[in-house]
Amino acid sequence: MKIVRDALEKIFRHCIEEYPYECCGLLVGIDSGGRTVHEAVRLSNIYQGDRRVRYAVDPIEYLRVERWAEENGMRVVGVYHSHPNVAARPSSFDLEHFFPWYTYLIVSVVNGQVAEYRAWRLETEEETKKLVEEPIS
């Protein structure tokens, strides 16, 4: 996955501003012969429980971004979210909710600073699910 620097910087700012809570947003770009993220769009974390360990996306906000992306010749290609004080690796909860056609960018924020970031995709074959790390450039 390629991500333009401005989009990545927006994601980092969002993750730091929301710390110690998880934040979430959408990765918008083009997926033709390789996925390129041109925009990062913040979403509200509407999870009703402990937002330090979970996030939930507002479906109305999601639809708004999806329409905007289409109007601008792009599409939603993935989701980003932060992991406060833990590694940038999907939790079991994340895995249960991943869609195989999206890239999931996870940003680890420790003590209010970005510690690492990694991208993941879920591949499915018949009855099995496999988590694959995507290189980021």
C-alpha atoms as a PDB file:
ATOM      1  CA  MET A   1       0.000   0.000   0.000  1.00  0.00           C
ATOM      2  CA  LYS A   2       1.199   3.489  -0.824  1.00  0.00           C
ATOM      3  CA  ILE A   3       0.070   6.396   1.289  1.00  0.00           C
ATOM      4  CA  VAL A   4       0.756  10.045   0.576  1.00  0.00           C
ATOM      5  CA  ARG A   5       2.676  11.809   3.333  1.00  0.00           C
ATOM      6  CA  ASP A   6      -0.075  14.380   4.039  1.00  0.00           C
ATOM      7  CA  ALA A   7      -2.623  11.613   4.661  1.00  0.00           C
ATOM      8  CA  LEU A   8      -0.257   9.748   6.975  1.00  0.00           C
ATOM      9  CA  GLU A   9       0.491  12.930   8.933  1.00  0.00           C
ATOM     10  CA  LYS A  10      -3.275  13.560   9.338  1.00  0.00           C
ATOM     11  CA  ILE A  11      -3.681  10.056  10.718  1.00  0.00           C
ATOM     12  CA  PHE A  12      -0.817  10.500  13.186  1.00  0.00           C
ATOM     13  CA  ARG A  13      -2.252  13.851  14.402  1.00  0.00           C
ATOM     14  CA  HIS A  14      -5.685  12.299  14.873  1.00  0.00           C
ATOM     15  CA  CYS A  15      -4.260   9.350  16.833  1.00  0.00           C
ATOM     16  CA  ILE A  16      -2.225  11.623  19.111  1.00  0.00           C
ATOM     17  CA  GLU A  17      -5.124  14.048  19.705  1.00  0.00           C
ATOM     18  CA  GLU A  18      -7.482  11.240  20.741  1.00  0.00           C
ATOM     19  CA  TYR A  19      -4.968   9.448  22.987  1.00  0.00           C
ATOM     20  CA  PRO A  20      -5.584   7.602  25.350  1.00  0.00           C
ATOM     21  CA  TYR A  21      -8.728   6.656  23.424  1.00  0.00           C
ATOM     22  CA  GLU A  22      -8.893   4.765  20.161  1.00  0.00           C
ATOM     23  CA  CYS A  23      -9.630   6.864  17.128  1.00  0.00           C
ATOM     24  CA  CYS A  24     -10.831   5.747  13.724  1.00  0.00           C
ATOM     25  CA  GLY A  25     -11.090   6.980  10.176  1.00  0.00           C
ATOM     26  CA  LEU A  26     -11.233   5.944   6.553  1.00  0.00           C
ATOM     27  CA  LEU A  27      -8.497   5.536   3.972  1.00  0.00           C
ATOM     28  CA  VAL A  28      -9.619   6.984   0.642  1.00  0.00           C
ATOM     29  CA  GLY A  29      -7.795   6.478  -2.605  1.00  0.00           C
ATOM     30  CA  ILE A  30      -7.415   4.454  -5.757  1.00  0.00           C
ATOM     31  CA  ASP A  31      -7.050   0.703  -6.127  1.00  0.00           C
ATOM     32  CA  SER A  32      -5.843  -0.016  -9.639  1.00  0.00           C
ATOM     33  CA  GLY A  33      -2.798  -2.222  -9.912  1.00  0.00           C
ATOM     34  CA  GLY A  34      -1.875  -1.271  -6.351  1.00  0.00           C
ATOM     35  CA  ARG A  35      -3.602   0.543  -3.542  1.00  0.00           C
ATOM     36  CA  THR A  36      -2.747   4.238  -3.070  1.00  0.00           C
ATOM     37  CA  VAL A  37      -4.233   6.267  -0.221  1.00  0.00           C
ATOM     38  CA  HIS A  38      -4.653   9.949  -1.078  1.00  0.00           C
ATOM     39  CA  GLU A  39      -6.885  11.053   1.800  1.00  0.00           C
ATOM     40  CA  ALA A  40      -7.412  10.142   5.437  1.00  0.00           C
ATOM     41  CA  VAL A  41     -10.842  11.113   6.734  1.00  0.00           C
ATOM     42  CA  ARG A  42     -11.515  11.263  10.466  1.00  0.00           C
ATOM     43  CA  LEU A  43     -14.584   9.570  11.863  1.00  0.00           C
ATOM     44  CA  SER A  44     -16.109   9.777  15.314  1.00  0.00           C
ATOM     45  CA  ASN A  45     -15.556   6.822  17.615  1.00  0.00           C
ATOM     46  CA  ILE A  46     -19.138   6.102  18.659  1.00  0.00           C
ATOM     47  CA  TYR A  47     -18.353   2.992  20.723  1.00  0.00           C
ATOM     48  CA  GLN A  48     -20.598   3.016  23.797  1.00  0.00           C
ATOM     49  CA  GLY A  49     -18.155   1.232  26.122  1.00  0.00           C
ATOM     50  CA  ASP A  50     -14.505   1.774  26.991  1.00  0.00           C
ATOM     51  CA  ARG A  51     -13.113   3.737  24.021  1.00  0.00           C
ATOM     52  CA  ARG A  52      -9.563   3.051  25.247  1.00  0.00           C
ATOM     53  CA  VAL A  53      -9.895  -0.492  23.863  1.00  0.00           C
ATOM     54  CA  ARG A  54     -12.562  -0.336  21.136  1.00  0.00           C
ATOM     55  CA  TYR A  55     -13.917   1.804  18.366  1.00  0.00           C
ATOM     56  CA  ALA A  56     -17.124   1.820  16.362  1.00  0.00           C
ATOM     57  CA  VAL A  57     -17.776   3.685  13.130  1.00  0.00           C
ATOM     58  CA  ASP A  58     -20.882   5.821  12.639  1.00  0.00           C
ATOM     59  CA  PRO A  59     -22.610   4.354   9.547  1.00  0.00           C
ATOM     60  CA  ILE A  60     -23.959   7.780   8.511  1.00  0.00           C
ATOM     61  CA  GLU A  61     -20.440   9.260   8.558  1.00  0.00           C
ATOM     62  CA  TYR A  62     -19.179   6.246   6.609  1.00  0.00           C
ATOM     63  CA  LEU A  63     -21.795   6.750   3.875  1.00  0.00           C
ATOM     64  CA  ARG A  64     -21.000  10.466   3.685  1.00  0.00           C
ATOM     65  CA  VAL A  65     -17.306   9.721   3.092  1.00  0.00           C
ATOM     66  CA  GLU A  66     -18.092   6.956   0.610  1.00  0.00           C
ATOM     67  CA  ARG A  67     -20.211   9.366  -1.460  1.00  0.00           C
ATOM     68  CA  TRP A  68     -17.565  12.096  -1.272  1.00  0.00           C
ATOM     69  CA  ALA A  69     -14.895   9.636  -2.423  1.00  0.00           C
ATOM     70  CA  GLU A  70     -16.987   8.549  -5.412  1.00  0.00           C
ATOM     71  CA  GLU A  71     -17.676  12.172  -6.379  1.00  0.00           C
ATOM     72  CA  ASN A  72     -13.912  12.729  -6.418  1.00  0.00           C
ATOM     73  CA  GLY A  73     -12.991   9.668  -8.480  1.00  0.00           C
ATOM     74  CA  MET A  74     -11.816   7.596  -5.522  1.00  0.00           C
ATOM     75  CA  ARG A  75     -13.211   5.026  -3.123  1.00  0.00           C
ATOM     76  CA  VAL A  76     -12.827   3.883   0.456  1.00  0.00           C
ATOM     77  CA  VAL A  77      -9.924   1.410   0.402  1.00  0.00           C
ATOM     78  CA  GLY A  78      -9.531   0.848   4.110  1.00  0.00           C
ATOM     79  CA  VAL A  79      -9.852   1.862   7.716  1.00  0.00           C
ATOM     80  CA  TYR A  80      -7.354   3.239  10.202  1.00  0.00           C
ATOM     81  CA  HIS A  81      -7.517   3.157  13.947  1.00  0.00           C
ATOM     82  CA  SER A  82      -5.211   3.606  16.899  1.00  0.00           C
ATOM     83  CA  HIS A  83      -4.090   1.199  19.579  1.00  0.00           C
ATOM     84  CA  PRO A  84      -3.289   3.182  22.733  1.00  0.00           C
ATOM     85  CA  ASN A  85      -0.378   1.663  24.641  1.00  0.00           C
ATOM     86  CA  VAL A  86      -0.328  -1.613  22.690  1.00  0.00           C
ATOM     87  CA  ALA A  87       1.306  -2.878  19.505  1.00  0.00           C
ATOM     88  CA  ALA A  88       0.051  -2.091  16.000  1.00  0.00           C
ATOM     89  CA  ARG A  89      -1.212  -5.630  15.536  1.00  0.00           C
ATOM     90  CA  PRO A  90      -4.891  -6.561  15.170  1.00  0.00           C
ATOM     91  CA  SER A  91      -6.646  -7.734  18.300  1.00  0.00           C
ATOM     92  CA  SER A  92      -8.944 -10.754  18.209  1.00  0.00           C
ATOM     93  CA  PHE A  93     -11.863  -8.298  18.191  1.00  0.00           C
ATOM     94  CA  ASP A  94     -10.351  -6.508  15.169  1.00  0.00           C
ATOM     95  CA  LEU A  95      -9.971  -9.800  13.305  1.00  0.00           C
ATOM     96  CA  GLU A  96     -13.598 -10.706  13.890  1.00  0.00           C
ATOM     97  CA  HIS A  97     -14.680  -7.428  12.283  1.00  0.00           C
ATOM     98  CA  PHE A  98     -12.202  -7.046   9.402  1.00  0.00           C
ATOM     99  CA  PHE A  99     -13.540  -7.140   5.842  1.00  0.00           C
ATOM    100  CA  PRO A 100     -11.221  -8.923   3.385  1.00  0.00           C
ATOM    101  CA  TRP A 101     -11.395  -6.183   0.748  1.00  0.00           C
ATOM    102  CA  TYR A 102     -10.027  -3.412   3.006  1.00  0.00           C
ATOM    103  CA  THR A 103      -6.585  -2.475   4.248  1.00  0.00           C
ATOM    104  CA  TYR A 104      -6.471  -1.815   7.990  1.00  0.00           C
ATOM    105  CA  LEU A 105      -3.828   0.631   9.153  1.00  0.00           C
ATOM    106  CA  ILE A 106      -3.188   0.359  12.888  1.00  0.00           C
ATOM    107  CA  VAL A 107      -1.199   3.036  14.697  1.00  0.00           C
ATOM    108  CA  SER A 108       0.287   2.277  18.096  1.00  0.00           C
ATOM    109  CA  VAL A 109       0.382   5.344  20.343  1.00  0.00           C
ATOM    110  CA  VAL A 110       2.392   5.082  23.550  1.00  0.00           C
ATOM    111  CA  ASN A 111       2.542   7.955  26.051  1.00  0.00           C
ATOM    112  CA  GLY A 112       0.977  10.285  23.495  1.00  0.00           C
ATOM    113  CA  GLN A 113       3.496   9.557  20.715  1.00  0.00           C
ATOM    114  CA  VAL A 114       3.305   7.341  17.634  1.00  0.00           C
ATOM    115  CA  ALA A 115       5.364   4.238  18.392  1.00  0.00           C
ATOM    116  CA  GLU A 116       4.731   2.228  15.220  1.00  0.00           C
ATOM    117  CA  TYR A 117       2.243   1.737  12.413  1.00  0.00           C
ATOM    118  CA  ARG A 118       1.456  -1.306  10.325  1.00  0.00           C
ATOM    119  CA  ALA A 119      -1.050  -2.246   7.633  1.00  0.00           C
ATOM    120  CA  TRP A 120      -2.986  -5.498   7.506  1.00  0.00           C
ATOM    121  CA  ARG A 121      -5.352  -7.282   5.175  1.00  0.00           C
ATOM    122  CA  LEU A 122      -7.514 -10.308   5.834  1.00  0.00           C
ATOM    123  CA  GLU A 123      -7.383 -12.969   3.142  1.00  0.00           C
ATOM    124  CA  THR A 124      -9.999 -15.678   3.036  1.00  0.00           C
ATOM    125  CA  GLU A 125      -9.828 -19.039   1.333  1.00  0.00           C
ATOM    126  CA  GLU A 126     -12.875 -21.251   1.667  1.00  0.00           C
ATOM    127  CA  GLU A 127     -13.279 -21.683   5.438  1.00  0.00           C
ATOM    128  CA  THR A 128      -9.937 -20.224   6.534  1.00  0.00           C
ATOM    129  CA  LYS A 129      -8.919 -16.666   7.310  1.00  0.00           C
ATOM    130  CA  LYS A 130      -5.329 -15.500   7.041  1.00  0.00           C
ATOM    131  CA  LEU A 131      -3.905 -12.222   8.264  1.00  0.00           C
ATOM    132  CA  VAL A 132      -1.331 -10.678   5.916  1.00  0.00           C
ATOM    133  CA  GLU A 133       0.811  -7.656   6.672  1.00  0.00           C
ATOM    134  CA  GLU A 134       0.963  -5.176   3.813  1.00  0.00           C
ATOM    135  CA  PRO A 135       4.146  -3.194   3.207  1.00  0.00           C
ATOM    136  CA  ILE A 136       3.681   0.576   3.405  1.00  0.00           C
ATOM    137  CA  SER A 137       5.492   3.059   1.208  1.00  0.00           C
END
